[in-house]
Amino acid sequence: MPEPFDPRYDMTEAIAPAGSGGGPMDLPASGPQAPKGGPTPKGGPTPKGGSRRGPWRLPLPWRGEPGRRSGGPAAPTGRGLWTDAWHDLRRNPIFVVSALIILFLVVIAIWPQLIASGNPYHGDLAKAQDGPAPGHPFGYDLQGRDVYTRTVYGARASITVGICATLGAALLGSVLGGLAGYFGGWWDALLSRIADVFFGIPILLGGLVFLSVVTSGSVWPVVGFIVLLGWPQISRIARGSVVTVKEHDYVQAARVLGASSGRTLLRHIAPNAVAPVIVVATIALGTYISLEATLSFLGVGLKPPTVSWGIDISSAATQIRNAPHMLLWPAGALSITVLAFIMLGDAVRDALDPKLR
């Protein structure tokens, strides 16, 4: 007497009927066949003209995993570079601390009145160079202005210069370097020689020459100068990354299938070549902030009435013995900001570099 129906077997799997000629709608049966005249396999007799189904399912389209054994574990799914990088960054204390500091700096740069209710331009000469007082924890500067308020408002200029200069240099360098690495030939040679010319200009000397003829004291001339001398570094990084990525098999396959150069660059090369550019740009952001402070300290960067850490450090340098608090607080804020961006860049580099895994 045959055994009852086994629920492990799926009724959606078809077996060719007896005497069938194997038409186009027939589905092949799997599993061992009972030998002619031999014993019947466990689970019931073999149907006439067919074979008993085994435990393997047919790869039907509505099943998510073809060929998977019924009741077995799901196959593990792989993660991409960015998913792995974010997974590592969330567990990196250096990234968490630096990201929180940068987030705080960005917030006070946009809304400084959240933590500083005073006027950074208001001064009382009767309190010039005085030390900390109730309501004024950082003391006063040479003109009797609140050092705490000016330190908070000074973040706006430094953060603006750093972010805008980094975005401009990264965009210009990535486009020029990516095109040079992809097309090569005379375009690559021309861009490489132009980048060498800019690399040969000392950045401080170039700033003194370029910004000394600019009368505006806003942030945009400083941003333009940094972009002008900052793009060659990122251009070289982008070029090398594109040259490496364009030799991969998936890029060659896209070309063979007729993808245009623009589509190949945007859809296949750029997403896989942008990681080194992000790392270099993140580290360079802190460098650009310190460069702005240096140029402002030398008198060719931002100019009054703009509130800047570099301007306050320059005015306090001559009074470091009499009133060291005037120099301590803006210099400390500048150091913390630059350190936070450099730490963030190091954490991003460790997460995106597969050689460091």
Protein backbone atom coordinates (compact mmCIF):
# COMPACT_ATOMS: atom_id res chain seq x y z
CA MET A 1 0.00 0.00 0.00
CA PRO A 2 1.59 3.33 -0.99
CA GLU A 3 2.44 5.86 1.68
CA PRO A 4 0.35 9.03 2.01
CA PHE A 5 1.31 12.19 0.13
CA ASP A 6 4.54 13.76 1.35
CA PRO A 7 4.00 17.56 1.88
CA ARG A 8 7.65 18.26 1.14
CA TYR A 9 7.01 17.94 -2.55
CA ASP A 10 5.58 20.86 -4.46
CA MET A 11 2.55 20.20 -6.63
CA THR A 12 3.58 23.02 -8.99
CA GLU A 13 6.28 20.74 -10.42
CA ALA A 14 4.98 18.82 -13.41
CA ILE A 15 5.79 15.32 -14.52
CA ALA A 16 5.51 14.24 -18.12
CA PRO A 17 2.46 11.98 -18.52
CA ALA A 18 2.77 8.43 -19.65
CA GLY A 19 3.40 8.04 -23.31
CA SER A 20 4.10 11.73 -23.79
CA GLY A 21 6.20 12.70 -26.71
CA GLY A 22 8.06 15.38 -24.79
CA GLY A 23 6.28 18.46 -26.11
CA PRO A 24 7.44 22.03 -25.47
CA MET A 25 5.37 22.36 -22.31
CA ASP A 26 6.84 19.30 -20.62
CA LEU A 27 9.00 19.95 -17.58
CA PRO A 28 11.86 17.59 -16.86
CA ALA A 29 11.53 15.55 -13.72
CA SER A 30 14.38 15.33 -11.27
CA GLY A 31 15.40 12.74 -8.78
CA PRO A 32 16.33 9.08 -9.06
CA GLN A 33 14.28 6.80 -11.24
CA ALA A 34 13.13 3.42 -10.04
CA PRO A 35 14.93 0.63 -11.88
CA LYS A 36 12.72 -1.45 -14.10
CA GLY A 37 11.38 -4.33 -12.10
CA GLY A 38 13.17 -3.15 -8.99
CA PRO A 39 11.85 -2.04 -5.63
CA THR A 40 9.69 1.00 -5.31
CA PRO A 41 11.48 4.02 -3.72
CA LYS A 42 10.35 5.14 -0.33
CA GLY A 43 7.48 7.61 -0.53
CA GLY A 44 5.20 5.78 -2.98
CA PRO A 45 5.27 4.02 -6.30
CA THR A 46 6.77 5.56 -9.39
CA PRO A 47 4.07 6.83 -11.75
CA LYS A 48 3.76 4.95 -15.00
CA GLY A 49 5.91 6.47 -17.72
CA GLY A 50 7.53 8.94 -15.36
CA SER A 51 9.83 9.19 -12.41
CA ARG A 52 9.26 10.09 -8.82
CA ARG A 53 10.15 13.69 -7.89
CA GLY A 54 13.16 14.24 -5.69
CA PRO A 55 13.63 16.93 -3.03
CA TRP A 56 14.96 19.52 -5.56
CA ARG A 57 12.57 22.19 -6.82
CA LEU A 58 12.43 23.36 -10.38
CA PRO A 59 13.76 26.89 -10.98
CA LEU A 60 10.39 28.52 -11.46
CA PRO A 61 10.46 32.30 -12.04
CA TRP A 62 8.34 33.27 -9.03
CA ARG A 63 10.83 31.70 -6.66
CA GLY A 64 13.52 34.08 -5.48
CA GLU A 65 16.33 31.49 -5.41
CA PRO A 66 16.39 28.98 -8.28
CA GLY A 67 17.60 25.53 -7.49
CA ARG A 68 17.44 26.01 -3.74
CA ARG A 69 16.70 22.91 -1.71
CA SER A 70 13.35 23.10 0.04
CA GLY A 71 13.74 24.29 3.61
CA GLY A 72 17.44 25.15 3.20
CA PRO A 73 19.07 28.41 4.31
CA ALA A 74 19.09 31.42 2.00
CA ALA A 75 22.27 32.17 0.11
CA PRO A 76 24.25 35.07 1.60
CA THR A 77 24.02 38.33 -0.27
CA GLY A 78 27.19 40.36 -0.91
CA ARG A 79 27.65 44.00 0.11
CA GLY A 80 29.14 46.75 -1.99
CA LEU A 81 32.06 49.02 -1.26
CA TRP A 82 29.94 51.87 0.10
CA THR A 83 27.86 49.58 2.30
CA ASP A 84 30.98 48.03 3.80
CA ALA A 85 32.55 51.46 4.25
CA TRP A 86 29.51 52.80 6.12
CA HIS A 87 29.40 49.65 8.23
CA ASP A 88 33.04 50.24 9.26
CA LEU A 89 32.67 53.99 9.78
CA ARG A 90 29.78 53.61 12.21
CA ARG A 91 31.98 51.47 14.43
CA ASN A 92 35.04 53.71 14.22
CA PRO A 93 35.25 56.01 17.27
CA ILE A 94 37.57 58.42 15.42
CA PHE A 95 34.93 58.92 12.74
CA VAL A 96 32.13 59.36 15.26
CA VAL A 97 34.01 61.96 17.32
CA SER A 98 35.25 63.93 14.31
CA ALA A 99 31.83 63.84 12.64
CA LEU A 100 30.14 65.18 15.79
CA ILE A 101 32.69 68.01 16.06
CA ILE A 102 32.25 68.92 12.40
CA LEU A 103 28.46 68.81 12.71
CA PHE A 104 28.63 71.16 15.70
CA LEU A 105 30.93 73.54 13.80
CA VAL A 106 28.65 73.58 10.77
CA VAL A 107 25.61 74.30 12.94
CA ILE A 108 27.24 77.25 14.70
CA ALA A 109 28.59 78.51 11.38
CA ILE A 110 25.03 78.67 10.04
CA TRP A 111 23.34 79.82 13.26
CA PRO A 112 25.98 81.36 15.54
CA GLN A 113 23.29 83.13 17.56
CA LEU A 114 22.33 79.77 19.05
CA ILE A 115 25.26 79.91 21.46
CA ALA A 116 26.43 83.53 21.16
CA SER A 117 23.90 86.31 21.64
CA GLY A 118 26.37 89.20 21.52
CA ASN A 119 27.50 91.42 18.65
CA PRO A 120 30.95 90.51 17.31
CA TYR A 121 31.52 94.10 16.12
CA HIS A 122 30.53 95.90 19.33
CA GLY A 123 33.52 97.07 21.39
CA ASP A 124 34.08 98.87 24.70
CA LEU A 125 37.54 100.39 24.89
CA ALA A 126 37.26 100.63 28.67
CA LYS A 127 37.44 96.80 28.76
CA ALA A 128 40.23 96.36 26.21
CA GLN A 129 42.41 93.28 26.91
CA ASP A 130 40.45 92.43 30.06
CA GLY A 131 40.33 88.80 31.10
CA PRO A 132 37.31 86.56 31.55
CA ALA A 133 34.28 88.10 33.23
CA PRO A 134 30.73 86.94 34.00
CA GLY A 135 28.94 86.54 30.68
CA HIS A 136 32.23 86.89 28.78
CA PRO A 137 34.19 83.69 29.47
CA PHE A 138 36.95 84.36 26.92
CA GLY A 139 37.64 87.99 27.87
CA TYR A 140 38.03 90.99 25.56
CA ASP A 141 40.34 91.88 22.68
CA LEU A 142 42.26 95.08 21.88
CA GLN A 143 39.11 96.99 20.96
CA GLY A 144 37.03 95.69 23.87
CA ARG A 145 35.09 93.18 21.76
CA ASP A 146 33.95 89.88 23.24
CA VAL A 147 36.45 87.17 22.26
CA TYR A 148 33.88 84.40 22.79
CA THR A 149 31.41 85.96 20.39
CA ARG A 150 34.08 86.59 17.76
CA THR A 151 35.38 83.03 18.09
CA VAL A 152 31.91 81.63 17.48
CA TYR A 153 31.20 83.93 14.52
CA GLY A 154 34.66 83.26 13.08
CA ALA A 155 33.66 79.68 12.32
CA ARG A 156 31.37 80.88 9.51
CA ALA A 157 34.14 82.33 7.34
CA SER A 158 36.55 79.45 7.88
CA ILE A 159 33.98 76.71 7.26
CA THR A 160 32.63 78.53 4.18
CA VAL A 161 36.09 78.90 2.66
CA GLY A 162 37.01 75.30 3.41
CA ILE A 163 33.83 73.69 2.04
CA CYS A 164 33.50 75.90 -1.07
CA ALA A 165 37.18 75.60 -1.96
CA THR A 166 37.10 71.84 -1.52
CA LEU A 167 33.98 71.41 -3.65
CA GLY A 168 35.40 73.63 -6.39
CA ALA A 169 38.82 71.95 -6.45
CA ALA A 170 37.30 68.46 -6.30
CA LEU A 171 34.83 69.15 -9.11
CA LEU A 172 37.38 70.81 -11.41
CA GLY A 173 40.13 68.31 -10.67
CA SER A 174 37.84 65.29 -11.03
CA VAL A 175 36.47 66.39 -14.40
CA LEU A 176 39.84 67.28 -15.91
CA GLY A 177 41.66 64.30 -14.41
CA GLY A 178 38.89 61.87 -15.35
CA LEU A 179 38.84 63.03 -18.96
CA ALA A 180 42.62 62.86 -19.18
CA GLY A 181 42.71 59.35 -17.75
CA TYR A 182 39.88 58.06 -19.96
CA PHE A 183 40.86 59.49 -23.33
CA GLY A 184 44.64 59.64 -22.85
CA GLY A 185 46.78 60.76 -25.78
CA TRP A 186 47.43 64.44 -26.34
CA TRP A 187 44.67 65.45 -23.90
CA ASP A 188 46.38 63.56 -21.10
CA ALA A 189 49.76 65.05 -21.96
CA LEU A 190 48.38 68.60 -22.10
CA LEU A 191 46.56 68.35 -18.76
CA SER A 192 49.59 66.77 -17.09
CA ARG A 193 51.89 69.60 -18.21
CA ILE A 194 49.40 72.27 -17.06
CA ALA A 195 49.13 70.56 -13.67
CA ASP A 196 52.93 70.50 -13.40
CA VAL A 197 53.02 74.27 -13.92
CA PHE A 198 50.60 74.85 -11.03
CA PHE A 199 52.48 72.36 -8.86
CA GLY A 200 55.61 74.47 -9.29
CA ILE A 201 53.99 77.58 -7.74
CA PRO A 202 54.56 77.83 -3.94
CA ILE A 203 51.12 78.22 -2.46
CA LEU A 204 51.98 80.95 0.05
CA LEU A 205 53.97 82.94 -2.51
CA GLY A 206 51.15 82.56 -5.00
CA GLY A 207 48.67 83.75 -2.37
CA LEU A 208 50.74 86.82 -1.57
CA VAL A 209 51.00 87.74 -5.25
CA PHE A 210 47.44 86.89 -6.28
CA LEU A 211 45.53 88.24 -3.28
CA SER A 212 47.62 91.37 -2.76
CA VAL A 213 45.96 92.97 -5.78
CA VAL A 214 42.45 92.06 -4.59
CA THR A 215 40.76 94.81 -2.64
CA SER A 216 37.70 92.80 -1.59
CA GLY A 217 37.85 91.27 1.87
CA SER A 218 35.15 88.66 1.27
CA VAL A 219 35.64 84.92 1.13
CA TRP A 220 35.25 84.48 -2.64
CA PRO A 221 38.69 85.73 -3.79
CA VAL A 222 40.28 83.37 -1.27
CA VAL A 223 38.07 80.50 -2.46
CA GLY A 224 39.00 81.20 -6.09
CA PHE A 225 42.71 81.24 -5.30
CA ILE A 226 42.57 77.95 -3.41
CA VAL A 227 40.62 76.29 -6.24
CA LEU A 228 43.14 77.61 -8.76
CA LEU A 229 46.08 76.02 -6.96
CA GLY A 230 44.25 73.05 -5.42
CA TRP A 231 42.77 71.27 -8.44
CA PRO A 232 46.05 69.74 -9.77
CA GLN A 233 46.45 67.45 -6.74
CA ILE A 234 42.93 66.06 -7.04
CA SER A 235 43.31 65.88 -10.82
CA ARG A 236 46.23 63.50 -10.51
CA ILE A 237 44.36 61.30 -8.06
CA ALA A 238 41.30 61.18 -10.32
CA ARG A 239 43.40 60.43 -13.40
CA GLY A 240 45.17 57.51 -11.77
CA SER A 241 41.92 56.08 -10.44
CA VAL A 242 40.21 56.31 -13.84
CA VAL A 243 43.17 54.70 -15.61
CA THR A 244 42.93 51.75 -13.21
CA VAL A 245 39.15 51.35 -13.39
CA LYS A 246 38.79 51.62 -17.17
CA GLU A 247 40.79 48.40 -17.66
CA HIS A 248 38.26 46.30 -15.72
CA ASP A 249 36.17 43.72 -17.52
CA TYR A 250 32.81 45.39 -16.92
CA VAL A 251 34.04 48.60 -18.58
CA GLN A 252 35.33 46.67 -21.58
CA ALA A 253 31.99 44.85 -21.78
CA ALA A 254 30.11 48.16 -21.80
CA ARG A 255 32.25 49.38 -24.67
CA VAL A 256 31.70 46.18 -26.64
CA LEU A 257 27.94 46.49 -26.15
CA GLY A 258 28.06 49.95 -27.72
CA ALA A 259 27.84 52.25 -24.67
CA SER A 260 28.88 55.82 -25.42
CA SER A 261 31.88 57.44 -23.76
CA GLY A 262 29.67 59.66 -21.62
CA ARG A 263 27.56 56.76 -20.40
CA THR A 264 30.63 54.65 -19.71
CA LEU A 265 32.22 57.44 -17.68
CA LEU A 266 29.12 58.34 -15.68
CA ARG A 267 27.58 54.90 -15.12
CA HIS A 268 30.54 52.54 -14.90
CA ILE A 269 33.79 54.41 -14.23
CA ALA A 270 32.87 57.40 -12.03
CA PRO A 271 31.08 55.44 -9.25
CA ASN A 272 34.06 53.09 -8.92
CA ALA A 273 36.80 55.74 -9.24
CA VAL A 274 35.43 58.42 -6.91
CA ALA A 275 36.54 56.87 -3.60
CA PRO A 276 40.19 58.11 -3.70
CA VAL A 277 38.97 61.59 -4.66
CA ILE A 278 36.64 61.72 -1.65
CA VAL A 279 39.46 60.71 0.69
CA VAL A 280 41.89 63.32 -0.64
CA ALA A 281 39.24 66.06 -0.69
CA THR A 282 38.20 65.37 2.91
CA ILE A 283 41.78 65.66 4.16
CA ALA A 284 42.41 68.73 1.97
CA LEU A 285 39.41 70.52 3.50
CA GLY A 286 41.21 70.91 6.81
CA THR A 287 44.33 72.07 4.97
CA TYR A 288 42.35 74.75 3.12
CA ILE A 289 40.92 76.08 6.39
CA SER A 290 44.40 76.45 7.83
CA LEU A 291 45.57 78.06 4.57
CA GLU A 292 42.81 80.66 4.81
CA ALA A 293 43.82 81.46 8.38
CA THR A 294 47.47 81.76 7.31
CA LEU A 295 46.66 84.14 4.46
CA SER A 296 44.42 86.21 6.75
CA PHE A 297 47.19 86.30 9.34
CA LEU A 298 49.56 87.67 6.69
CA GLY A 299 47.03 90.35 5.75
CA VAL A 300 46.22 89.18 2.21
CA GLY A 301 43.31 86.84 2.91
CA LEU A 302 40.09 87.91 4.58
CA LYS A 303 40.05 91.51 5.73
CA PRO A 304 38.02 93.42 8.35
CA PRO A 305 35.14 93.79 8.96
CA THR A 306 34.92 90.07 8.14
CA VAL A 307 35.17 88.02 11.32
CA SER A 308 37.84 85.37 10.92
CA TRP A 309 40.06 83.32 13.20
CA GLY A 310 43.10 84.32 11.15
CA ILE A 311 42.35 88.03 11.57
CA ASP A 312 41.88 87.67 15.33
CA ILE A 313 45.10 85.66 15.65
CA SER A 314 46.98 88.32 13.69
CA SER A 315 45.72 91.14 15.92
CA ALA A 316 46.46 89.17 19.09
CA ALA A 317 49.98 88.07 18.14
CA THR A 318 51.56 91.32 19.32
CA GLN A 319 49.84 91.08 22.72
CA ILE A 320 50.59 87.46 23.52
CA ARG A 321 52.44 88.38 26.73
CA ASN A 322 49.95 90.91 28.04
CA ALA A 323 46.71 89.17 27.02
CA PRO A 324 47.34 85.54 25.98
CA HIS A 325 43.59 84.78 26.05
CA MET A 326 43.15 86.85 22.89
CA LEU A 327 45.32 84.36 20.98
CA LEU A 328 44.46 81.15 22.84
CA TRP A 329 40.78 80.83 21.97
CA PRO A 330 40.71 81.55 18.21
CA ALA A 331 43.89 79.52 17.72
CA GLY A 332 42.40 76.63 19.71
CA ALA A 333 39.20 76.72 17.66
CA LEU A 334 41.21 76.67 14.45
CA SER A 335 43.33 73.74 15.63
CA ILE A 336 40.30 71.68 16.68
CA THR A 337 38.56 72.32 13.35
CA VAL A 338 41.56 71.33 11.24
CA LEU A 339 42.20 68.27 13.40
CA ALA A 340 38.57 67.15 13.11
CA PHE A 341 38.63 67.26 9.31
CA ILE A 342 41.97 65.46 9.12
CA MET A 343 40.70 62.74 11.47
CA LEU A 344 37.56 62.41 9.36
CA GLY A 345 39.66 62.03 6.23
CA ASP A 346 41.83 59.35 7.83
CA ALA A 347 38.75 57.39 8.92
CA VAL A 348 37.21 57.61 5.45
CA ARG A 349 40.49 56.49 3.89
CA ASP A 350 40.68 53.45 6.16
CA ALA A 351 37.11 52.51 5.30
CA LEU A 352 37.39 52.94 1.53
CA ASP A 353 40.87 51.50 0.97
CA PRO A 354 40.55 47.74 0.42
CA LYS A 355 44.25 47.24 1.14
CA LEU A 356 43.71 48.31 4.75
CA ARG A 357 40.90 45.84 5.43
